[in-house]
C-alpha atoms as a PDB file:
ATOM      1  CA  UNK A   1      25.177  21.507  18.163  1.00  0.00           C
ATOM      2  CA  UNK A   2      21.504  22.456  18.037  1.00  0.00           C
ATOM      3  CA  UNK A   3      18.653  20.136  18.820  1.00  0.00           C
ATOM      4  CA  UNK A   4      15.730  20.258  16.392  1.00  0.00           C
ATOM      5  CA  UNK A   5      12.263  19.793  17.852  1.00  0.00           C
ATOM      6  CA  UNK A   6      10.747  16.357  17.708  1.00  0.00           C
ATOM      7  CA  UNK A   7       8.922  15.711  14.443  1.00  0.00           C
ATOM      8  CA  UNK A   8      10.790  18.362  12.489  1.00  0.00           C
ATOM      9  CA  UNK A   9      13.553  18.084   9.982  1.00  0.00           C
ATOM     10  CA  UNK A  10      15.871  20.339   8.070  1.00  0.00           C
ATOM     11  CA  UNK A  11      13.048  21.335   5.754  1.00  0.00           C
ATOM     12  CA  UNK A  12      10.465  22.027   8.478  1.00  0.00           C
ATOM     13  CA  UNK A  13       7.769  19.917  10.161  1.00  0.00           C
ATOM     14  CA  UNK A  14       7.347  16.405   8.859  1.00  0.00           C
ATOM     15  CA  UNK A  15       4.120  15.237   7.302  1.00  0.00           C
ATOM     16  CA  UNK A  16       1.709  13.805   9.855  1.00  0.00           C
ATOM     17  CA  UNK A  17       1.009  10.121   9.074  1.00  0.00           C
ATOM     18  CA  UNK A  18      -2.732  10.813   8.874  1.00  0.00           C
ATOM     19  CA  UNK A  19      -2.195  13.155   5.914  1.00  0.00           C
ATOM     20  CA  UNK A  20      -0.987  10.629   3.271  1.00  0.00           C
ATOM     21  CA  UNK A  21      -3.438   8.044   4.609  1.00  0.00           C
ATOM     22  CA  UNK A  22      -6.330  10.490   4.232  1.00  0.00           C
ATOM     23  CA  UNK A  23      -5.255  11.599   0.756  1.00  0.00           C
ATOM     24  CA  UNK A  24      -4.833   7.988  -0.379  1.00  0.00           C
ATOM     25  CA  UNK A  25      -8.250   6.989   0.986  1.00  0.00           C
ATOM     26  CA  UNK A  26      -9.969   9.948  -0.699  1.00  0.00           C
ATOM     27  CA  UNK A  27      -8.282   9.320  -4.048  1.00  0.00           C
ATOM     28  CA  UNK A  28      -9.237   5.643  -3.918  1.00  0.00           C
ATOM     29  CA  UNK A  29     -12.843   6.591  -3.107  1.00  0.00           C
ATOM     30  CA  UNK A  30     -12.852   8.929  -6.102  1.00  0.00           C
ATOM     31  CA  UNK A  31     -11.509   6.205  -8.370  1.00  0.00           C
ATOM     32  CA  UNK A  32     -14.049   3.628  -7.189  1.00  0.00           C
ATOM     33  CA  UNK A  33     -17.057   5.941  -6.940  1.00  0.00           C
ATOM     34  CA  UNK A  34     -16.522   8.194  -9.960  1.00  0.00           C
ATOM     35  CA  UNK A  35     -14.389   5.871 -12.033  1.00  0.00           C
ATOM     36  CA  UNK A  36     -14.109   7.942 -15.216  1.00  0.00           C
ATOM     37  CA  UNK A  37     -11.142   6.903 -17.378  1.00  0.00           C
ATOM     38  CA  UNK A  38      -9.832  10.477 -17.479  1.00  0.00           C
ATOM     39  CA  UNK A  39      -9.878  10.800 -13.687  1.00  0.00           C
ATOM     40  CA  UNK A  40      -8.265   7.372 -13.216  1.00  0.00           C
ATOM     41  CA  UNK A  41      -5.539   8.198 -15.725  1.00  0.00           C
ATOM     42  CA  UNK A  42      -4.865  11.598 -14.125  1.00  0.00           C
ATOM     43  CA  UNK A  43      -4.702  10.146 -10.601  1.00  0.00           C
ATOM     44  CA  UNK A  44      -2.536   7.179 -11.609  1.00  0.00           C
ATOM     45  CA  UNK A  45      -0.174   9.294 -13.704  1.00  0.00           C
ATOM     46  CA  UNK A  46       0.047  12.102 -11.173  1.00  0.00           C
ATOM     47  CA  UNK A  47       0.751   9.847  -8.200  1.00  0.00           C
ATOM     48  CA  UNK A  48       3.259   7.768 -10.190  1.00  0.00           C
ATOM     49  CA  UNK A  49       5.115  10.890 -11.366  1.00  0.00           C
ATOM     50  CA  UNK A  50       5.169  12.283  -7.844  1.00  0.00           C
ATOM     51  CA  UNK A  51       6.484   8.974  -6.498  1.00  0.00           C
ATOM     52  CA  UNK A  52       9.270   8.790  -9.081  1.00  0.00           C
ATOM     53  CA  UNK A  53      10.434  12.259  -8.083  1.00  0.00           C
ATOM     54  CA  UNK A  54       9.906  11.836  -4.341  1.00  0.00           C
ATOM     55  CA  UNK A  55      12.502   9.284  -3.233  1.00  0.00           C
ATOM     56  CA  UNK A  56      13.751   5.686  -3.425  1.00  0.00           C
ATOM     57  CA  UNK A  57      10.962   4.206  -1.304  1.00  0.00           C
ATOM     58  CA  UNK A  58       8.307   5.807  -3.463  1.00  0.00           C
ATOM     59  CA  UNK A  59      10.111   4.748  -6.659  1.00  0.00           C
ATOM     60  CA  UNK A  60      10.121   1.149  -5.453  1.00  0.00           C
ATOM     61  CA  UNK A  61       6.396   1.497  -4.735  1.00  0.00           C
ATOM     62  CA  UNK A  62       5.791   2.694  -8.317  1.00  0.00           C
ATOM     63  CA  UNK A  63       7.674  -0.327  -9.650  1.00  0.00           C
ATOM     64  CA  UNK A  64       5.659  -2.639  -7.374  1.00  0.00           C
ATOM     65  CA  UNK A  65       2.424  -1.026  -8.576  1.00  0.00           C
ATOM     66  CA  UNK A  66       3.451  -1.641 -12.191  1.00  0.00           C
ATOM     67  CA  UNK A  67       4.261  -5.272 -11.390  1.00  0.00           C
ATOM     68  CA  UNK A  68       0.762  -5.701  -9.945  1.00  0.00           C
ATOM     69  CA  UNK A  69      -1.129  -3.642 -12.530  1.00  0.00           C
ATOM     70  CA  UNK A  70       0.300  -5.129 -15.738  1.00  0.00           C
ATOM     71  CA  UNK A  71      -0.867  -8.727 -15.059  1.00  0.00           C
ATOM     72  CA  UNK A  72      -4.277  -7.350 -14.020  1.00  0.00           C
ATOM     73  CA  UNK A  73      -4.532  -5.468 -17.319  1.00  0.00           C
ATOM     74  CA  UNK A  74      -3.605  -8.602 -19.261  1.00  0.00           C
ATOM     75  CA  UNK A  75      -6.229 -10.568 -17.358  1.00  0.00           C
ATOM     76  CA  UNK A  76      -8.933  -7.986 -18.101  1.00  0.00           C
ATOM     77  CA  UNK A  77      -7.973  -8.053 -21.784  1.00  0.00           C
ATOM     78  CA  UNK A  78      -8.321 -11.837 -21.904  1.00  0.00           C
ATOM     79  CA  UNK A  79     -11.670 -11.714 -20.112  1.00  0.00           C
ATOM     80  CA  UNK A  80     -13.352  -8.887 -22.038  1.00  0.00           C
ATOM     81  CA  UNK A  81     -11.704  -8.165 -25.396  1.00  0.00           C
ATOM     82  CA  UNK A  82     -12.791 -11.377 -27.197  1.00  0.00           C
ATOM     83  CA  UNK A  83     -16.340 -11.369 -25.807  1.00  0.00           C
ATOM     84  CA  UNK A  84     -17.787  -8.017 -26.777  1.00  0.00           C
ATOM     85  CA  UNK A  85     -20.449  -7.312 -29.391  1.00  0.00           C
ATOM     86  CA  UNK A  86     -18.596  -5.053 -31.846  1.00  0.00           C
ATOM     87  CA  UNK A  87     -15.959  -7.213 -33.562  1.00  0.00           C
ATOM     88  CA  UNK A  88     -13.316  -5.073 -35.271  1.00  0.00           C
ATOM     89  CA  UNK A  89     -10.628  -7.672 -36.020  1.00  0.00           C
ATOM     90  CA  UNK A  90      -9.564 -11.254 -35.552  1.00  0.00           C
ATOM     91  CA  UNK A  91      -6.174 -12.505 -34.434  1.00  0.00           C
ATOM     92  CA  UNK A  92      -4.611 -15.961 -34.775  1.00  0.00           C
ATOM     93  CA  UNK A  93      -6.902 -17.092 -37.627  1.00  0.00           C
ATOM     94  CA  UNK A  94      -5.479 -20.609 -37.432  1.00  0.00           C
ATOM     95  CA  UNK A  95      -7.086 -21.098 -34.003  1.00  0.00           C
ATOM     96  CA  UNK A  96     -10.811 -21.877 -34.400  1.00  0.00           C
ATOM     97  CA  UNK A  97     -11.198 -19.290 -37.128  1.00  0.00           C
ATOM     98  CA  UNK A  98      -9.464 -16.558 -35.195  1.00  0.00           C
ATOM     99  CA  UNK A  99      -9.890 -14.873 -31.812  1.00  0.00           C
ATOM    100  CA  UNK A 100     -12.227 -11.872 -32.084  1.00  0.00           C
ATOM    101  CA  UNK A 101     -11.134  -8.427 -30.947  1.00  0.00           C
ATOM    102  CA  UNK A 102     -14.082  -6.248 -29.928  1.00  0.00           C
ATOM    103  CA  UNK A 103     -14.061  -2.508 -29.417  1.00  0.00           C
ATOM    104  CA  UNK A 104     -16.549  -2.501 -26.537  1.00  0.00           C
ATOM    105  CA  UNK A 105     -14.686  -5.335 -24.809  1.00  0.00           C
ATOM    106  CA  UNK A 106     -11.409  -3.456 -25.191  1.00  0.00           C
ATOM    107  CA  UNK A 107     -13.019  -0.307 -23.752  1.00  0.00           C
ATOM    108  CA  UNK A 108     -14.288  -2.238 -20.730  1.00  0.00           C
ATOM    109  CA  UNK A 109     -10.916  -3.882 -20.174  1.00  0.00           C
ATOM    110  CA  UNK A 110      -9.178  -0.520 -20.462  1.00  0.00           C
ATOM    111  CA  UNK A 111     -11.478   1.129 -17.925  1.00  0.00           C
ATOM    112  CA  UNK A 112     -11.012  -1.673 -15.420  1.00  0.00           C
ATOM    113  CA  UNK A 113      -7.238  -1.742 -15.937  1.00  0.00           C
ATOM    114  CA  UNK A 114      -7.008   2.026 -15.403  1.00  0.00           C
ATOM    115  CA  UNK A 115      -9.116   1.778 -12.247  1.00  0.00           C
ATOM    116  CA  UNK A 116      -6.981  -1.000 -10.788  1.00  0.00           C
ATOM    117  CA  UNK A 117      -3.762   0.829 -11.693  1.00  0.00           C
ATOM    118  CA  UNK A 118      -4.997   4.040 -10.062  1.00  0.00           C
ATOM    119  CA  UNK A 119      -5.990   2.249  -6.853  1.00  0.00           C
ATOM    120  CA  UNK A 120      -2.773   0.217  -6.635  1.00  0.00           C
ATOM    121  CA  UNK A 121      -0.339   3.037  -7.394  1.00  0.00           C
ATOM    122  CA  UNK A 122      -2.159   5.419  -5.048  1.00  0.00           C
ATOM    123  CA  UNK A 123      -2.217   2.942  -2.194  1.00  0.00           C
ATOM    124  CA  UNK A 124       1.384   1.772  -2.530  1.00  0.00           C
ATOM    125  CA  UNK A 125       3.038   5.131  -3.215  1.00  0.00           C
ATOM    126  CA  UNK A 126       1.241   7.025  -0.450  1.00  0.00           C
ATOM    127  CA  UNK A 127       1.689   4.098   1.940  1.00  0.00           C
ATOM    128  CA  UNK A 128       5.427   4.414   1.325  1.00  0.00           C
ATOM    129  CA  UNK A 129       5.137   7.984   2.598  1.00  0.00           C
ATOM    130  CA  UNK A 130       3.866   6.838   6.009  1.00  0.00           C
ATOM    131  CA  UNK A 131       6.337   6.414   8.864  1.00  0.00           C
ATOM    132  CA  UNK A 132       5.009   3.379  10.746  1.00  0.00           C
ATOM    133  CA  UNK A 133       6.518   4.412  14.095  1.00  0.00           C
ATOM    134  CA  UNK A 134       4.898   7.845  13.870  1.00  0.00           C
ATOM    135  CA  UNK A 135       1.604   6.290  12.771  1.00  0.00           C
ATOM    136  CA  UNK A 136       1.550   3.979  15.794  1.00  0.00           C
ATOM    137  CA  UNK A 137       2.365   6.876  18.146  1.00  0.00           C
ATOM    138  CA  UNK A 138      -0.371   8.971  16.549  1.00  0.00           C
ATOM    139  CA  UNK A 139      -2.919   6.171  17.034  1.00  0.00           C
ATOM    140  CA  UNK A 140      -2.076   5.388  20.660  1.00  0.00           C
ATOM    141  CA  UNK A 141      -3.937   8.266  22.397  1.00  0.00           C
ATOM    142  CA  UNK A 142      -7.207   7.732  20.491  1.00  0.00           C
ATOM    143  CA  UNK A 143      -7.352   4.014  19.576  1.00  0.00           C
ATOM    144  CA  UNK A 144      -7.569   1.060  22.038  1.00  0.00           C
ATOM    145  CA  UNK A 145      -4.143  -0.378  22.778  1.00  0.00           C
ATOM    146  CA  UNK A 146      -4.943  -3.932  21.554  1.00  0.00           C
ATOM    147  CA  UNK A 147      -6.045  -2.512  18.183  1.00  0.00           C
ATOM    148  CA  UNK A 148      -2.830  -0.469  17.926  1.00  0.00           C
ATOM    149  CA  UNK A 149      -0.795  -3.579  18.720  1.00  0.00           C
ATOM    150  CA  UNK A 150      -2.611  -5.649  16.085  1.00  0.00           C
ATOM    151  CA  UNK A 151      -2.187  -2.935  13.441  1.00  0.00           C
ATOM    152  CA  UNK A 152       1.486  -2.527  14.319  1.00  0.00           C
ATOM    153  CA  UNK A 153       2.081  -6.283  14.192  1.00  0.00           C
ATOM    154  CA  UNK A 154       0.426  -6.571  10.780  1.00  0.00           C
ATOM    155  CA  UNK A 155       2.357  -3.711   9.186  1.00  0.00           C
ATOM    156  CA  UNK A 156       5.647  -4.922  10.685  1.00  0.00           C
ATOM    157  CA  UNK A 157       5.220  -8.572   9.765  1.00  0.00           C
ATOM    158  CA  UNK A 158       6.747  -8.272   6.297  1.00  0.00           C
ATOM    159  CA  UNK A 159       9.864  -6.299   7.418  1.00  0.00           C
ATOM    160  CA  UNK A 160      10.378  -8.699  10.327  1.00  0.00           C
ATOM    161  CA  UNK A 161      10.019 -11.732   8.060  1.00  0.00           C
ATOM    162  CA  UNK A 162      12.415 -10.173   5.546  1.00  0.00           C
ATOM    163  CA  UNK A 163      15.069  -9.523   8.231  1.00  0.00           C
ATOM    164  CA  UNK A 164      14.762 -13.017   9.686  1.00  0.00           C
ATOM    165  CA  UNK A 165      14.912 -14.564   6.197  1.00  0.00           C
ATOM    166  CA  UNK A 166      18.094 -12.629   5.501  1.00  0.00           C
ATOM    167  CA  UNK A 167      19.591 -13.824   8.800  1.00  0.00           C
ATOM    168  CA  UNK A 168      18.748 -17.449   8.043  1.00  0.00           C
ATOM    169  CA  UNK A 169      20.272 -17.209   4.580  1.00  0.00           C
ATOM    170  CA  UNK A 170      23.442 -15.619   5.973  1.00  0.00           C
ATOM    171  CA  UNK A 171      23.775 -18.443   8.507  1.00  0.00           C
ATOM    172  CA  UNK A 172      23.335 -21.008   5.753  1.00  0.00           C
ATOM    173  CA  UNK A 173      25.965 -19.281   3.618  1.00  0.00           C
ATOM    174  CA  UNK A 174      28.396 -19.228   6.569  1.00  0.00           C
ATOM    175  CA  UNK A 175      27.921 -22.988   6.945  1.00  0.00           C
ATOM    176  CA  UNK A 176      28.711 -23.549   3.276  1.00  0.00           C
ATOM    177  CA  UNK A 177      25.139 -24.328   2.219  1.00  0.00           C
ATOM    178  CA  UNK A 178      24.427 -23.375  -1.433  1.00  0.00           C
ATOM    179  CA  UNK A 179      21.851 -20.662  -0.722  1.00  0.00           C
ATOM    180  CA  UNK A 180      20.838 -20.228  -4.361  1.00  0.00           C
ATOM    181  CA  UNK A 181      19.359 -23.716  -4.654  1.00  0.00           C
ATOM    182  CA  UNK A 182      15.634 -24.335  -4.286  1.00  0.00           C
ATOM    183  CA  UNK A 183      16.361 -27.006  -1.671  1.00  0.00           C
ATOM    184  CA  UNK A 184      17.968 -24.457   0.631  1.00  0.00           C
ATOM    185  CA  UNK A 185      15.066 -22.037   0.108  1.00  0.00           C
ATOM    186  CA  UNK A 186      12.551 -24.729   1.051  1.00  0.00           C
ATOM    187  CA  UNK A 187      14.636 -25.709   4.080  1.00  0.00           C
ATOM    188  CA  UNK A 188      14.564 -22.059   5.214  1.00  0.00           C
ATOM    189  CA  UNK A 189      10.770 -21.866   5.422  1.00  0.00           C
ATOM    190  CA  UNK A 190      10.409 -23.878   8.648  1.00  0.00           C
ATOM    191  CA  UNK A 191      13.046 -21.886  10.617  1.00  0.00           C
ATOM    192  CA  UNK A 192      11.404 -18.688   9.339  1.00  0.00           C
ATOM    193  CA  UNK A 193       7.942 -19.684  10.597  1.00  0.00           C
ATOM    194  CA  UNK A 194       9.269 -20.992  13.922  1.00  0.00           C
ATOM    195  CA  UNK A 195      11.285 -17.813  14.417  1.00  0.00           C
ATOM    196  CA  UNK A 196       8.298 -15.554  13.780  1.00  0.00           C
ATOM    197  CA  UNK A 197       6.132 -17.573  16.194  1.00  0.00           C
ATOM    198  CA  UNK A 198       8.873 -17.398  18.827  1.00  0.00           C
ATOM    199  CA  UNK A 199       9.166 -13.621  18.330  1.00  0.00           C
ATOM    200  CA  UNK A 200       5.421 -13.270  18.916  1.00  0.00           C
ATOM    201  CA  UNK A 201       5.671 -15.339  22.112  1.00  0.00           C
ATOM    202  CA  UNK A 202       8.593 -13.245  23.366  1.00  0.00           C
ATOM    203  CA  UNK A 203       6.636 -10.036  22.790  1.00  0.00           C
ATOM    204  CA  UNK A 204       3.551 -11.288  24.628  1.00  0.00           C
ATOM    205  CA  UNK A 205       5.249 -11.286  28.043  1.00  0.00           C
ATOM    206  CA  UNK A 206       6.252  -7.584  28.186  1.00  0.00           C
ATOM    207  CA  UNK A 207       2.881  -6.687  26.673  1.00  0.00           C
ATOM    208  CA  UNK A 208       1.114  -8.384  29.577  1.00  0.00           C
ATOM    209  CA  UNK A 209       3.330  -6.591  32.107  1.00  0.00           C
ATOM    210  CA  UNK A 210       2.665  -3.209  30.503  1.00  0.00           C
ATOM    211  CA  UNK A 211      -1.105  -3.762  30.634  1.00  0.00           C
ATOM    212  CA  UNK A 212      -1.844  -3.634  26.917  1.00  0.00           C
ATOM    213  CA  UNK A 213      -5.297  -5.102  27.531  1.00  0.00           C
ATOM    214  CA  UNK A 214      -6.195  -2.706  30.333  1.00  0.00           C
ATOM    215  CA  UNK A 215      -8.904  -0.215  29.309  1.00  0.00           C
ATOM    216  CA  UNK A 216      -8.371   3.501  29.590  1.00  0.00           C
ATOM    217  CA  UNK A 217      -6.609   6.358  27.800  1.00  0.00           C
ATOM    218  CA  UNK A 218      -2.934   6.174  26.861  1.00  0.00           C
ATOM    219  CA  UNK A 219      -0.274   8.857  26.877  1.00  0.00           C
ATOM    220  CA  UNK A 220       2.654   9.098  24.494  1.00  0.00           C
ATOM    221  CA  UNK A 221       6.113  10.161  25.624  1.00  0.00           C
ATOM    222  CA  UNK A 222       6.865  11.790  22.278  1.00  0.00           C
ATOM    223  CA  UNK A 223       3.548  12.768  20.666  1.00  0.00           C
ATOM    224  CA  UNK A 224       3.463  13.284  16.923  1.00  0.00           C
ATOM    225  CA  UNK A 225       2.958  16.978  16.018  1.00  0.00           C
ATOM    226  CA  UNK A 226      -0.285  17.547  14.149  1.00  0.00           C
ATOM    227  CA  UNK A 227      -0.078  21.064  12.662  1.00  0.00           C
ATOM    228  CA  UNK A 228      -3.278  23.004  12.075  1.00  0.00           C
ATOM    229  CA  UNK A 229      -2.409  23.449   8.390  1.00  0.00           C
ATOM    230  CA  UNK A 230      -2.281  19.716   7.788  1.00  0.00           C
ATOM    231  CA  UNK A 231      -5.567  19.187   9.634  1.00  0.00           C
ATOM    232  CA  UNK A 232      -7.175  21.823   7.407  1.00  0.00           C
ATOM    233  CA  UNK A 233      -5.759  20.095   4.315  1.00  0.00           C
ATOM    234  CA  UNK A 234      -7.104  16.707   5.428  1.00  0.00           C
ATOM    235  CA  UNK A 235     -10.597  18.016   6.096  1.00  0.00           C
ATOM    236  CA  UNK A 236     -10.511  19.953   2.833  1.00  0.00           C
ATOM    237  CA  UNK A 237      -9.627  16.803   0.907  1.00  0.00           C
ATOM    238  CA  UNK A 238     -12.420  14.870   2.641  1.00  0.00           C
ATOM    239  CA  UNK A 239     -15.019  17.571   1.925  1.00  0.00           C
ATOM    240  CA  UNK A 240     -13.918  17.864  -1.720  1.00  0.00           C
ATOM    241  CA  UNK A 241     -14.135  14.082  -2.130  1.00  0.00           C
ATOM    242  CA  UNK A 242     -17.637  13.929  -0.636  1.00  0.00           C
ATOM    243  CA  UNK A 243     -18.812  16.766  -2.877  1.00  0.00           C
ATOM    244  CA  UNK A 244     -17.324  15.123  -5.976  1.00  0.00           C
ATOM    245  CA  UNK A 245     -18.998  11.798  -5.183  1.00  0.00           C
ATOM    246  CA  UNK A 246     -22.363  13.461  -4.450  1.00  0.00           C
ATOM    247  CA  UNK A 247     -22.262  15.494  -7.678  1.00  0.00           C
ATOM    248  CA  UNK A 248     -21.382  12.373  -9.648  1.00  0.00           C
ATOM    249  CA  UNK A 249     -24.113  10.205  -8.135  1.00  0.00           C
ATOM    250  CA  UNK A 250     -26.896  12.799  -8.413  1.00  0.00           C
ATOM    251  CA  UNK A 251     -28.732  12.174 -11.708  1.00  0.00           C
END
C-alpha cells in the first residue's frame, strides 16, 4: 500500500482553497463593475454548466442558485416592467384598464436579473469547490487565530445546525412523536438553539487552553500545498480583472 502525499489525490495535487475563492471574487467584481448583459450571461452560463458537470455538490449549488435567482427575476419584472416609458402591450385589461408592459422596463429587469444570477451562481458553485478544513489550515499561518476561529464557526454553523436538527428529529421519531407535523417542528427549535449554544460553550474551554487569543504566528501540522502554478493563475486572474475594470471605466 502506497501513501500519497498530503494534499494530493489520484488525479494529482488538489486545488488550493484560495484558487476558487479568488476566481469567484474576480468574476463577481467583473459582473458588478462591468455588468454588460453578454458578460453576465456568459459567466452565469459557463459557471452553471461547469457546476453541472463537476460533481454532486456543485450540482446542488446550481439548483440553489436557480432557487434564489428565479424569485429575484420575478421581483425585478414586477418592479420595472410596468413602469417604463415605452409601452408595447397591456396585460389583464380587466384590471384598471390593463397592466402596461414596457420595453425599457423589461430591459432593465433583464439586466438586473442576469447580474443577480451571475453573482449568485458564481458564489455558490465556486464556494462548493472550497474544502473548509483546507481553507482554515491555509488561513492559520497568515491570519490572526481569533479571526480564523470566527470564520470557521460561521462557515460551520449551517452544517452543525443541520446535523443537530437531524439528531433531534431522529430522537423524536424513536419516541413515537409524529415528526412530520408542524407542532413537532416548532418544538424542535428550542432544543436546536440550546444545543448550539451548549456546543459553543464546550468549545470555548479548549480554545482558552490552547491560547487562541494569544498574539503571535501559528504553525500548521499539515500545511496546505500551494503550488506555484496555482499562484500564477490566481495573480493572472486578478491582473486580468483589474485591467478589464480599468478599460471599462475609462471613458
